[in-house]
Amino acid sequence: MPRPTKADPDKQLMIKSKTVQRLAKEVKYYEQEVKENEEKLAKMKEEQKDPYDIKKFAEVLGESQMMIPDSQNRYKKSLEDLKSFLETHVDYDFTSEEWVTTAKELLSS
């Protein structure tokens, strides 16, 4: 039976930093998608498109709007996770200074 191994803090730092980066992009993407879909919906209404198409597109817009709070919550949670990880490993000598710098930049933004 394989014995449990302790996760490498350097690898954990890299993974947590990349998670924060990915979720930040996701939040921006959904916010941009909502903005674009709102403009498209307004244009559809202005052009008096088929009411069924307008209704369905409004549903699509609603789904996009529902994703923003979820994405923001996951982003905030990953930031907190990264912050607590750095606080618990404050005395650890990370081999990659690049990820330490990236993590600190992510936390300060």
PDB file of N, CA and C in Angstrom:
ATOM      1  N   MET A   1       0.844  -1.170   0.000  1.00  0.00           N
ATOM      2  CA  MET A   1       0.000   0.000   0.000  1.00  0.00           C
ATOM      3  C   MET A   1       0.894   1.239   0.000  1.00  0.00           C
ATOM      4  N   PRO A   2       0.649   2.161  -0.957  1.00  0.00           N
ATOM      5  CA  PRO A   2       1.500   3.353  -1.004  1.00  0.00           C
ATOM      6  C   PRO A   2       1.230   4.254   0.194  1.00  0.00           C
ATOM      7  N   ARG A   3       2.291   4.777   0.707  1.00  0.00           N
ATOM      8  CA  ARG A   3       2.132   5.667   1.860  1.00  0.00           C
ATOM      9  C   ARG A   3       1.819   7.084   1.376  1.00  0.00           C
ATOM     10  N   PRO A   4       1.055   7.810   2.134  1.00  0.00           N
ATOM     11  CA  PRO A   4       0.714   9.172   1.733  1.00  0.00           C
ATOM     12  C   PRO A   4       1.955  10.055   1.749  1.00  0.00           C
ATOM     13  N   THR A   5       2.030  10.907   0.754  1.00  0.00           N
ATOM     14  CA  THR A   5       3.149  11.831   0.674  1.00  0.00           C
ATOM     15  C   THR A   5       2.653  13.244   0.897  1.00  0.00           C
ATOM     16  N   LYS A   6       3.486  14.048   1.461  1.00  0.00           N
ATOM     17  CA  LYS A   6       3.135  15.441   1.688  1.00  0.00           C
ATOM     18  C   LYS A   6       3.317  16.188   0.365  1.00  0.00           C
ATOM     19  N   ALA A   7       2.335  16.984   0.023  1.00  0.00           N
ATOM     20  CA  ALA A   7       2.384  17.725  -1.233  1.00  0.00           C
ATOM     21  C   ALA A   7       3.520  18.745  -1.200  1.00  0.00           C
ATOM     22  N   ASP A   8       4.162  18.877  -2.319  1.00  0.00           N
ATOM     23  CA  ASP A   8       5.277  19.806  -2.467  1.00  0.00           C
ATOM     24  C   ASP A   8       4.759  21.250  -2.417  1.00  0.00           C
ATOM     25  N   PRO A   9       5.192  22.057  -1.458  1.00  0.00           N
ATOM     26  CA  PRO A   9       4.707  23.446  -1.357  1.00  0.00           C
ATOM     27  C   PRO A   9       4.976  24.269  -2.625  1.00  0.00           C
ATOM     28  N   ASP A  10       6.093  24.005  -3.302  1.00  0.00           N
ATOM     29  CA  ASP A  10       6.364  24.741  -4.544  1.00  0.00           C
ATOM     30  C   ASP A  10       5.293  24.448  -5.588  1.00  0.00           C
ATOM     31  N   LYS A  11       4.939  23.186  -5.703  1.00  0.00           N
ATOM     32  CA  LYS A  11       3.923  22.788  -6.671  1.00  0.00           C
ATOM     33  C   LYS A  11       2.553  23.334  -6.265  1.00  0.00           C
ATOM     34  N   GLN A  12       2.259  23.278  -4.976  1.00  0.00           N
ATOM     35  CA  GLN A  12       0.988  23.813  -4.487  1.00  0.00           C
ATOM     36  C   GLN A  12       0.876  25.313  -4.779  1.00  0.00           C
ATOM     37  N   LEU A  13       1.959  26.039  -4.580  1.00  0.00           N
ATOM     38  CA  LEU A  13       1.959  27.478  -4.843  1.00  0.00           C
ATOM     39  C   LEU A  13       1.672  27.750  -6.317  1.00  0.00           C
ATOM     40  N   MET A  14       2.319  26.992  -7.187  1.00  0.00           N
ATOM     41  CA  MET A  14       2.104  27.163  -8.622  1.00  0.00           C
ATOM     42  C   MET A  14       0.640  26.876  -8.974  1.00  0.00           C
ATOM     43  N   ILE A  15       0.098  25.789  -8.466  1.00  0.00           N
ATOM     44  CA  ILE A  15      -1.285  25.413  -8.766  1.00  0.00           C
ATOM     45  C   ILE A  15      -2.258  26.462  -8.251  1.00  0.00           C
ATOM     46  N   LYS A  16      -2.065  26.918  -7.029  1.00  0.00           N
ATOM     47  CA  LYS A  16      -2.966  27.916  -6.446  1.00  0.00           C
ATOM     48  C   LYS A  16      -2.879  29.243  -7.201  1.00  0.00           C
ATOM     49  N   SER A  17      -1.687  29.623  -7.624  1.00  0.00           N
ATOM     50  CA  SER A  17      -1.519  30.867  -8.381  1.00  0.00           C
ATOM     51  C   SER A  17      -2.195  30.759  -9.746  1.00  0.00           C
ATOM     52  N   LYS A  18      -2.020  29.638 -10.411  1.00  0.00           N
ATOM     53  CA  LYS A  18      -2.659  29.449 -11.713  1.00  0.00           C
ATOM     54  C   LYS A  18      -4.174  29.406 -11.594  1.00  0.00           C
ATOM     55  N   THR A  19      -4.666  28.852 -10.499  1.00  0.00           N
ATOM     56  CA  THR A  19      -6.111  28.812 -10.272  1.00  0.00           C
ATOM     57  C   THR A  19      -6.669  30.222 -10.145  1.00  0.00           C
ATOM     58  N   VAL A  20      -5.984  31.059  -9.382  1.00  0.00           N
ATOM     59  CA  VAL A  20      -6.420  32.444  -9.222  1.00  0.00           C
ATOM     60  C   VAL A  20      -6.401  33.157 -10.578  1.00  0.00           C
ATOM     61  N   GLN A  21      -5.347  32.950 -11.357  1.00  0.00           N
ATOM     62  CA  GLN A  21      -5.253  33.588 -12.675  1.00  0.00           C
ATOM     63  C   GLN A  21      -6.406  33.140 -13.578  1.00  0.00           C
ATOM     64  N   ARG A  22      -6.669  31.842 -13.585  1.00  0.00           N
ATOM     65  CA  ARG A  22      -7.724  31.301 -14.446  1.00  0.00           C
ATOM     66  C   ARG A  22      -9.089  31.839 -14.034  1.00  0.00           C
ATOM     67  N   LEU A  23      -9.363  31.872 -12.739  1.00  0.00           N
ATOM     68  CA  LEU A  23     -10.662  32.356 -12.273  1.00  0.00           C
ATOM     69  C   LEU A  23     -10.830  33.857 -12.504  1.00  0.00           C
ATOM     70  N   ALA A  24      -9.746  34.614 -12.433  1.00  0.00           N
ATOM     71  CA  ALA A  24      -9.824  36.045 -12.743  1.00  0.00           C
ATOM     72  C   ALA A  24     -10.217  36.241 -14.210  1.00  0.00           C
ATOM     73  N   LYS A  25      -9.626  35.441 -15.083  1.00  0.00           N
ATOM     74  CA  LYS A  25      -9.981  35.516 -16.512  1.00  0.00           C
ATOM     75  C   LYS A  25     -11.439  35.119 -16.722  1.00  0.00           C
ATOM     76  N   GLU A  26     -11.885  34.105 -15.995  1.00  0.00           N
ATOM     77  CA  GLU A  26     -13.260  33.631 -16.119  1.00  0.00           C
ATOM     78  C   GLU A  26     -14.254  34.722 -15.724  1.00  0.00           C
ATOM     79  N   VAL A  27     -13.982  35.415 -14.629  1.00  0.00           N
ATOM     80  CA  VAL A  27     -14.869  36.493 -14.178  1.00  0.00           C
ATOM     81  C   VAL A  27     -14.931  37.587 -15.245  1.00  0.00           C
ATOM     82  N   LYS A  28     -13.772  37.984 -15.757  1.00  0.00           N
ATOM     83  CA  LYS A  28     -13.745  39.019 -16.805  1.00  0.00           C
ATOM     84  C   LYS A  28     -14.515  38.565 -18.035  1.00  0.00           C
ATOM     85  N   TYR A  29     -14.351  37.289 -18.406  1.00  0.00           N
ATOM     86  CA  TYR A  29     -15.031  36.756 -19.580  1.00  0.00           C
ATOM     87  C   TYR A  29     -16.544  36.844 -19.408  1.00  0.00           C
ATOM     88  N   TYR A  30     -17.055  36.395 -18.261  1.00  0.00           N
ATOM     89  CA  TYR A  30     -18.500  36.428 -18.050  1.00  0.00           C
ATOM     90  C   TYR A  30     -19.026  37.861 -18.007  1.00  0.00           C
ATOM     91  N   GLU A  31     -18.285  38.767 -17.405  1.00  0.00           N
ATOM     92  CA  GLU A  31     -18.723  40.169 -17.376  1.00  0.00           C
ATOM     93  C   GLU A  31     -18.772  40.749 -18.784  1.00  0.00           C
ATOM     94  N   GLN A  32     -17.782  40.423 -19.596  1.00  0.00           N
ATOM     95  CA  GLN A  32     -17.761  40.902 -20.977  1.00  0.00           C
ATOM     96  C   GLN A  32     -18.892  40.260 -21.779  1.00  0.00           C
ATOM     97  N   GLU A  33     -19.123  38.973 -21.555  1.00  0.00           N
ATOM     98  CA  GLU A  33     -20.192  38.271 -22.262  1.00  0.00           C
ATOM     99  C   GLU A  33     -21.548  38.886 -21.953  1.00  0.00           C
ATOM    100  N   VAL A  34     -21.784  39.219 -20.687  1.00  0.00           N
ATOM    101  CA  VAL A  34     -23.057  39.834 -20.300  1.00  0.00           C
ATOM    102  C   VAL A  34     -23.213  41.186 -20.993  1.00  0.00           C
ATOM    103  N   LYS A  35     -22.162  41.962 -20.989  1.00  0.00           N
ATOM    104  CA  LYS A  35     -22.218  43.284 -21.638  1.00  0.00           C
ATOM    105  C   LYS A  35     -22.549  43.142 -23.121  1.00  0.00           C
ATOM    106  N   GLU A  36     -21.866  42.231 -23.802  1.00  0.00           N
ATOM    107  CA  GLU A  36     -22.108  42.031 -25.229  1.00  0.00           C
ATOM    108  C   GLU A  36     -23.527  41.524 -25.478  1.00  0.00           C
ATOM    109  N   ASN A  37     -23.983  40.589 -24.633  1.00  0.00           N
ATOM    110  CA  ASN A  37     -25.328  40.040 -24.818  1.00  0.00           C
ATOM    111  C   ASN A  37     -26.410  41.069 -24.522  1.00  0.00           C
ATOM    112  N   GLU A  38     -26.167  41.965 -23.560  1.00  0.00           N
ATOM    113  CA  GLU A  38     -27.133  43.033 -23.288  1.00  0.00           C
ATOM    114  C   GLU A  38     -27.254  43.944 -24.505  1.00  0.00           C
ATOM    115  N   GLU A  39     -26.121  44.264 -25.125  1.00  0.00           N
ATOM    116  CA  GLU A  39     -26.148  45.109 -26.321  1.00  0.00           C
ATOM    117  C   GLU A  39     -26.871  44.413 -27.462  1.00  0.00           C
ATOM    118  N   LYS A  40     -26.609  43.122 -27.623  1.00  0.00           N
ATOM    119  CA  LYS A  40     -27.250  42.362 -28.690  1.00  0.00           C
ATOM    120  C   LYS A  40     -28.752  42.254 -28.458  1.00  0.00           C
ATOM    121  N   LEU A  41     -29.161  42.050 -27.208  1.00  0.00           N
ATOM    122  CA  LEU A  41     -30.580  41.964 -26.885  1.00  0.00           C
ATOM    123  C   LEU A  41     -31.274  43.298 -27.151  1.00  0.00           C
ATOM    124  N   ALA A  42     -30.633  44.390 -26.778  1.00  0.00           N
ATOM    125  CA  ALA A  42     -31.210  45.714 -27.036  1.00  0.00           C
ATOM    126  C   ALA A  42     -31.370  45.945 -28.536  1.00  0.00           C
ATOM    127  N   LYS A  43     -30.384  45.503 -29.292  1.00  0.00           N
ATOM    128  CA  LYS A  43     -30.451  45.651 -30.757  1.00  0.00           C
ATOM    129  C   LYS A  43     -31.581  44.799 -31.331  1.00  0.00           C
ATOM    130  N   MET A  44     -31.741  43.591 -30.787  1.00  0.00           N
ATOM    131  CA  MET A  44     -32.825  42.724 -31.257  1.00  0.00           C
ATOM    132  C   MET A  44     -34.185  43.358 -30.980  1.00  0.00           C
ATOM    133  N   LYS A  45     -34.328  43.964 -29.801  1.00  0.00           N
ATOM    134  CA  LYS A  45     -35.597  44.619 -29.454  1.00  0.00           C
ATOM    135  C   LYS A  45     -35.825  45.839 -30.332  1.00  0.00           C
ATOM    136  N   GLU A  46     -34.752  46.581 -30.579  1.00  0.00           N
ATOM    137  CA  GLU A  46     -34.843  47.783 -31.415  1.00  0.00           C
ATOM    138  C   GLU A  46     -35.257  47.421 -32.834  1.00  0.00           C
ATOM    139  N   GLU A  47     -34.731  46.321 -33.330  1.00  0.00           N
ATOM    140  CA  GLU A  47     -35.048  45.882 -34.688  1.00  0.00           C
ATOM    141  C   GLU A  47     -36.341  45.074 -34.747  1.00  0.00           C
ATOM    142  N   GLN A  48     -36.996  44.927 -33.606  1.00  0.00           N
ATOM    143  CA  GLN A  48     -38.258  44.202 -33.472  1.00  0.00           C
ATOM    144  C   GLN A  48     -38.173  42.808 -34.080  1.00  0.00           C
ATOM    145  N   LYS A  49     -37.163  42.082 -33.625  1.00  0.00           N
ATOM    146  CA  LYS A  49     -36.992  40.693 -34.060  1.00  0.00           C
ATOM    147  C   LYS A  49     -38.138  39.844 -33.514  1.00  0.00           C
ATOM    148  N   ASP A  50     -38.171  38.599 -33.911  1.00  0.00           N
ATOM    149  CA  ASP A  50     -39.205  37.667 -33.470  1.00  0.00           C
ATOM    150  C   ASP A  50     -39.231  37.605 -31.941  1.00  0.00           C
ATOM    151  N   PRO A  51     -40.406  37.778 -31.319  1.00  0.00           N
ATOM    152  CA  PRO A  51     -40.497  37.753 -29.851  1.00  0.00           C
ATOM    153  C   PRO A  51     -39.938  36.464 -29.227  1.00  0.00           C
ATOM    154  N   TYR A  52     -40.090  35.349 -29.914  1.00  0.00           N
ATOM    155  CA  TYR A  52     -39.555  34.087 -29.405  1.00  0.00           C
ATOM    156  C   TYR A  52     -38.027  34.154 -29.332  1.00  0.00           C
ATOM    157  N   ASP A  53     -37.402  34.690 -30.376  1.00  0.00           N
ATOM    158  CA  ASP A  53     -35.943  34.821 -30.396  1.00  0.00           C
ATOM    159  C   ASP A  53     -35.467  35.756 -29.285  1.00  0.00           C
ATOM    160  N   ILE A  54     -36.197  36.837 -29.087  1.00  0.00           N
ATOM    161  CA  ILE A  54     -35.856  37.787 -28.026  1.00  0.00           C
ATOM    162  C   ILE A  54     -35.966  37.111 -26.666  1.00  0.00           C
ATOM    163  N   LYS A  55     -37.035  36.362 -26.470  1.00  0.00           N
ATOM    164  CA  LYS A  55     -37.240  35.672 -25.195  1.00  0.00           C
ATOM    165  C   LYS A  55     -36.120  34.669 -24.939  1.00  0.00           C
ATOM    166  N   LYS A  56     -35.771  33.891 -25.939  1.00  0.00           N
ATOM    167  CA  LYS A  56     -34.715  32.884 -25.776  1.00  0.00           C
ATOM    168  C   LYS A  56     -33.360  33.548 -25.524  1.00  0.00           C
ATOM    169  N   PHE A  57     -33.097  34.640 -26.214  1.00  0.00           N
ATOM    170  CA  PHE A  57     -31.824  35.324 -26.009  1.00  0.00           C
ATOM    171  C   PHE A  57     -31.774  35.961 -24.624  1.00  0.00           C
ATOM    172  N   ALA A  58     -32.920  36.422 -24.133  1.00  0.00           N
ATOM    173  CA  ALA A  58     -32.981  36.965 -22.769  1.00  0.00           C
ATOM    174  C   ALA A  58     -32.669  35.866 -21.756  1.00  0.00           C
ATOM    175  N   GLU A  59     -33.092  34.633 -22.043  1.00  0.00           N
ATOM    176  CA  GLU A  59     -32.763  33.500 -21.168  1.00  0.00           C
ATOM    177  C   GLU A  59     -31.256  33.243 -21.168  1.00  0.00           C
ATOM    178  N   VAL A  60     -30.654  33.324 -22.352  1.00  0.00           N
ATOM    179  CA  VAL A  60     -29.201  33.141 -22.462  1.00  0.00           C
ATOM    180  C   VAL A  60     -28.488  34.219 -21.647  1.00  0.00           C
ATOM    181  N   LEU A  61     -28.955  35.440 -21.756  1.00  0.00           N
ATOM    182  CA  LEU A  61     -28.384  36.543 -20.994  1.00  0.00           C
ATOM    183  C   LEU A  61     -28.533  36.292 -19.495  1.00  0.00           C
ATOM    184  N   GLY A  62     -29.690  35.812 -19.083  1.00  0.00           N
ATOM    185  CA  GLY A  62     -29.921  35.513 -17.672  1.00  0.00           C
ATOM    186  C   GLY A  62     -28.971  34.447 -17.143  1.00  0.00           C
ATOM    187  N   GLU A  63     -28.707  33.434 -17.964  1.00  0.00           N
ATOM    188  CA  GLU A  63     -27.771  32.384 -17.555  1.00  0.00           C
ATOM    189  C   GLU A  63     -26.361  32.949 -17.386  1.00  0.00           C
ATOM    190  N   SER A  64     -25.975  33.827 -18.293  1.00  0.00           N
ATOM    191  CA  SER A  64     -24.655  34.454 -18.186  1.00  0.00           C
ATOM    192  C   SER A  64     -24.565  35.313 -16.929  1.00  0.00           C
ATOM    193  N   GLN A  65     -25.637  36.035 -16.634  1.00  0.00           N
ATOM    194  CA  GLN A  65     -25.651  36.887 -15.445  1.00  0.00           C
ATOM    195  C   GLN A  65     -25.574  36.055 -14.169  1.00  0.00           C
ATOM    196  N   MET A  66     -26.158  34.863 -14.180  1.00  0.00           N
ATOM    197  CA  MET A  66     -26.107  33.995 -13.001  1.00  0.00           C
ATOM    198  C   MET A  66     -24.700  33.442 -12.778  1.00  0.00           C
ATOM    199  N   MET A  67     -23.903  33.365 -13.818  1.00  0.00           N
ATOM    200  CA  MET A  67     -22.559  32.809 -13.691  1.00  0.00           C
ATOM    201  C   MET A  67     -21.587  33.791 -13.030  1.00  0.00           C
ATOM    202  N   ILE A  68     -21.864  35.075 -13.122  1.00  0.00           N
ATOM    203  CA  ILE A  68     -20.942  36.073 -12.576  1.00  0.00           C
ATOM    204  C   ILE A  68     -20.771  35.931 -11.061  1.00  0.00           C
ATOM    205  N   PRO A  69     -21.845  35.896 -10.261  1.00  0.00           N
ATOM    206  CA  PRO A  69     -21.639  35.753  -8.808  1.00  0.00           C
ATOM    207  C   PRO A  69     -20.922  34.451  -8.440  1.00  0.00           C
ATOM    208  N   ASP A  70     -21.256  33.370  -9.128  1.00  0.00           N
ATOM    209  CA  ASP A  70     -20.596  32.090  -8.859  1.00  0.00           C
ATOM    210  C   ASP A  70     -19.101  32.190  -9.153  1.00  0.00           C
ATOM    211  N   SER A  71     -18.764  32.772 -10.285  1.00  0.00           N
ATOM    212  CA  SER A  71     -17.352  32.918 -10.653  1.00  0.00           C
ATOM    213  C   SER A  71     -16.625  33.843  -9.678  1.00  0.00           C
ATOM    214  N   GLN A  72     -17.276  34.918  -9.284  1.00  0.00           N
ATOM    215  CA  GLN A  72     -16.656  35.841  -8.336  1.00  0.00           C
ATOM    216  C   GLN A  72     -16.416  35.163  -6.991  1.00  0.00           C
ATOM    217  N   ASN A  73     -17.368  34.354  -6.548  1.00  0.00           N
ATOM    218  CA  ASN A  73     -17.206  33.650  -5.272  1.00  0.00           C
ATOM    219  C   ASN A  73     -16.049  32.656  -5.334  1.00  0.00           C
ATOM    220  N   ARG A  74     -15.954  31.922  -6.444  1.00  0.00           N
ATOM    221  CA  ARG A  74     -14.860  30.966  -6.585  1.00  0.00           C
ATOM    222  C   ARG A  74     -13.519  31.693  -6.666  1.00  0.00           C
ATOM    223  N   TYR A  75     -13.511  32.854  -7.322  1.00  0.00           N
ATOM    224  CA  TYR A  75     -12.291  33.660  -7.422  1.00  0.00           C
ATOM    225  C   TYR A  75     -11.863  34.149  -6.034  1.00  0.00           C
ATOM    226  N   LYS A  76     -12.819  34.687  -5.269  1.00  0.00           N
ATOM    227  CA  LYS A  76     -12.508  35.176  -3.919  1.00  0.00           C
ATOM    228  C   LYS A  76     -12.019  34.042  -3.022  1.00  0.00           C
ATOM    229  N   LYS A  77     -12.657  32.876  -3.148  1.00  0.00           N
ATOM    230  CA  LYS A  77     -12.251  31.726  -2.346  1.00  0.00           C
ATOM    231  C   LYS A  77     -10.827  31.298  -2.705  1.00  0.00           C
ATOM    232  N   SER A  78     -10.503  31.303  -3.981  1.00  0.00           N
ATOM    233  CA  SER A  78      -9.145  30.907  -4.384  1.00  0.00           C
ATOM    234  C   SER A  78      -8.116  31.934  -3.923  1.00  0.00           C
ATOM    235  N   LEU A  79      -8.484  33.215  -3.908  1.00  0.00           N
ATOM    236  CA  LEU A  79      -7.583  34.238  -3.386  1.00  0.00           C
ATOM    237  C   LEU A  79      -7.328  34.025  -1.895  1.00  0.00           C
ATOM    238  N   GLU A  80      -8.391  33.738  -1.162  1.00  0.00           N
ATOM    239  CA  GLU A  80      -8.246  33.479   0.279  1.00  0.00           C
ATOM    240  C   GLU A  80      -7.390  32.243   0.526  1.00  0.00           C
ATOM    241  N   ASP A  81      -7.586  31.234  -0.311  1.00  0.00           N
ATOM    242  CA  ASP A  81      -6.808  30.004  -0.192  1.00  0.00           C
ATOM    243  C   ASP A  81      -5.324  30.278  -0.445  1.00  0.00           C
ATOM    244  N   LEU A  82      -5.040  31.065  -1.460  1.00  0.00           N
ATOM    245  CA  LEU A  82      -3.655  31.422  -1.771  1.00  0.00           C
ATOM    246  C   LEU A  82      -3.037  32.241  -0.638  1.00  0.00           C
ATOM    247  N   LYS A  83      -3.808  33.187  -0.109  1.00  0.00           N
ATOM    248  CA  LYS A  83      -3.317  34.025   0.985  1.00  0.00           C
ATOM    249  C   LYS A  83      -3.001  33.184   2.223  1.00  0.00           C
ATOM    250  N   SER A  84      -3.910  32.290   2.593  1.00  0.00           N
ATOM    251  CA  SER A  84      -3.676  31.468   3.776  1.00  0.00           C
ATOM    252  C   SER A  84      -2.507  30.507   3.552  1.00  0.00           C
ATOM    253  N   PHE A  85      -2.359  30.027   2.320  1.00  0.00           N
ATOM    254  CA  PHE A  85      -1.233  29.142   2.007  1.00  0.00           C
ATOM    255  C   PHE A  85       0.090  29.878   2.208  1.00  0.00           C
ATOM    256  N   LEU A  86       0.165  31.108   1.699  1.00  0.00           N
ATOM    257  CA  LEU A  86       1.401  31.890   1.861  1.00  0.00           C
ATOM    258  C   LEU A  86       1.655  32.218   3.333  1.00  0.00           C
ATOM    259  N   GLU A  87       0.587  32.483   4.080  1.00  0.00           N
ATOM    260  CA  GLU A  87       0.752  32.790   5.500  1.00  0.00           C
ATOM    261  C   GLU A  87       1.256  31.578   6.286  1.00  0.00           C
ATOM    262  N   THR A  88       0.795  30.399   5.924  1.00  0.00           N
ATOM    263  CA  THR A  88       1.239  29.201   6.646  1.00  0.00           C
ATOM    264  C   THR A  88       2.629  28.743   6.207  1.00  0.00           C
ATOM    265  N   HIS A  89       3.067  29.194   5.038  1.00  0.00           N
ATOM    266  CA  HIS A  89       4.391  28.802   4.531  1.00  0.00           C
ATOM    267  C   HIS A  89       5.334  30.006   4.474  1.00  0.00           C
ATOM    268  N   VAL A  90       5.142  30.951   5.381  1.00  0.00           N
ATOM    269  CA  VAL A  90       5.931  32.184   5.362  1.00  0.00           C
ATOM    270  C   VAL A  90       7.424  31.906   5.548  1.00  0.00           C
ATOM    271  N   ASP A  91       7.763  30.872   6.290  1.00  0.00           N
ATOM    272  CA  ASP A  91       9.167  30.556   6.541  1.00  0.00           C
ATOM    273  C   ASP A  91       9.740  29.546   5.549  1.00  0.00           C
ATOM    274  N   TYR A  92       8.904  29.064   4.632  1.00  0.00           N
ATOM    275  CA  TYR A  92       9.368  28.065   3.666  1.00  0.00           C
ATOM    276  C   TYR A  92      10.230  28.745   2.600  1.00  0.00           C
ATOM    277  N   ASP A  93      11.295  28.080   2.207  1.00  0.00           N
ATOM    278  CA  ASP A  93      12.194  28.609   1.180  1.00  0.00           C
ATOM    279  C   ASP A  93      11.772  28.041  -0.181  1.00  0.00           C
ATOM    280  N   PHE A  94      10.894  28.761  -0.858  1.00  0.00           N
ATOM    281  CA  PHE A  94      10.408  28.315  -2.164  1.00  0.00           C
ATOM    282  C   PHE A  94      11.546  28.325  -3.175  1.00  0.00           C
ATOM    283  N   THR A  95      11.565  27.299  -4.037  1.00  0.00           N
ATOM    284  CA  THR A  95      12.628  27.213  -5.041  1.00  0.00           C
ATOM    285  C   THR A  95      12.362  28.150  -6.211  1.00  0.00           C
ATOM    286  N   SER A  96      11.097  28.458  -6.474  1.00  0.00           N
ATOM    287  CA  SER A  96      10.756  29.332  -7.590  1.00  0.00           C
ATOM    288  C   SER A  96      10.276  30.682  -7.062  1.00  0.00           C
ATOM    289  N   GLU A  97      11.129  31.652  -7.127  1.00  0.00           N
ATOM    290  CA  GLU A  97      10.779  33.001  -6.688  1.00  0.00           C
ATOM    291  C   GLU A  97       9.726  33.614  -7.616  1.00  0.00           C
ATOM    292  N   GLU A  98       9.684  33.115  -8.844  1.00  0.00           N
ATOM    293  CA  GLU A  98       8.722  33.616  -9.826  1.00  0.00           C
ATOM    294  C   GLU A  98       7.287  33.425  -9.336  1.00  0.00           C
ATOM    295  N   TRP A  99       6.975  32.239  -8.788  1.00  0.00           N
ATOM    296  CA  TRP A  99       5.610  31.980  -8.331  1.00  0.00           C
ATOM    297  C   TRP A  99       5.292  32.728  -7.053  1.00  0.00           C
ATOM    298  N   VAL A 100       6.279  32.966  -6.228  1.00  0.00           N
ATOM    299  CA  VAL A 100       6.065  33.771  -5.014  1.00  0.00           C
ATOM    300  C   VAL A 100       5.702  35.194  -5.421  1.00  0.00           C
ATOM    301  N   THR A 101       6.454  35.736  -6.374  1.00  0.00           N
ATOM    302  CA  THR A 101       6.187  37.088  -6.867  1.00  0.00           C
ATOM    303  C   THR A 101       4.815  37.157  -7.520  1.00  0.00           C
ATOM    304  N   THR A 102       4.489  36.167  -8.352  1.00  0.00           N
ATOM    305  CA  THR A 102       3.191  36.130  -9.008  1.00  0.00           C
ATOM    306  C   THR A 102       2.062  36.074  -7.981  1.00  0.00           C
ATOM    307  N   ALA A 103       2.222  35.231  -6.972  1.00  0.00           N
ATOM    308  CA  ALA A 103       1.200  35.103  -5.932  1.00  0.00           C
ATOM    309  C   ALA A 103       0.986  36.423  -5.204  1.00  0.00           C
ATOM    310  N   LYS A 104       2.079  37.080  -4.857  1.00  0.00           N
ATOM    311  CA  LYS A 104       1.970  38.360  -4.143  1.00  0.00           C
ATOM    312  C   LYS A 104       1.310  39.424  -5.017  1.00  0.00           C
ATOM    313  N   GLU A 105       1.631  39.411  -6.305  1.00  0.00           N
ATOM    314  CA  GLU A 105       0.990  40.365  -7.225  1.00  0.00           C
ATOM    315  C   GLU A 105      -0.508  40.097  -7.320  1.00  0.00           C
ATOM    316  N   LEU A 106      -0.871  38.830  -7.387  1.00  0.00           N
ATOM    317  CA  LEU A 106      -2.293  38.465  -7.464  1.00  0.00           C
ATOM    318  C   LEU A 106      -3.051  38.909  -6.210  1.00  0.00           C
ATOM    319  N   LEU A 107      -2.401  38.763  -5.077  1.00  0.00           N
ATOM    320  CA  LEU A 107      -3.046  39.153  -3.819  1.00  0.00           C
ATOM    321  C   LEU A 107      -3.157  40.673  -3.668  1.00  0.00           C
ATOM    322  N   SER A 108      -2.229  41.396  -4.281  1.00  0.00           N
ATOM    323  CA  SER A 108      -2.261  42.849  -4.145  1.00  0.00           C
ATOM    324  C   SER A 108      -3.172  43.521  -5.180  1.00  0.00           C
ATOM    325  N   SER A 109      -3.597  42.774  -6.175  1.00  0.00           N
ATOM    326  CA  SER A 109      -4.456  43.389  -7.219  1.00  0.00           C
ATOM    327  C   SER A 109      -5.908  43.352  -6.860  1.00  0.00           C
TER     328      SER A 109
END
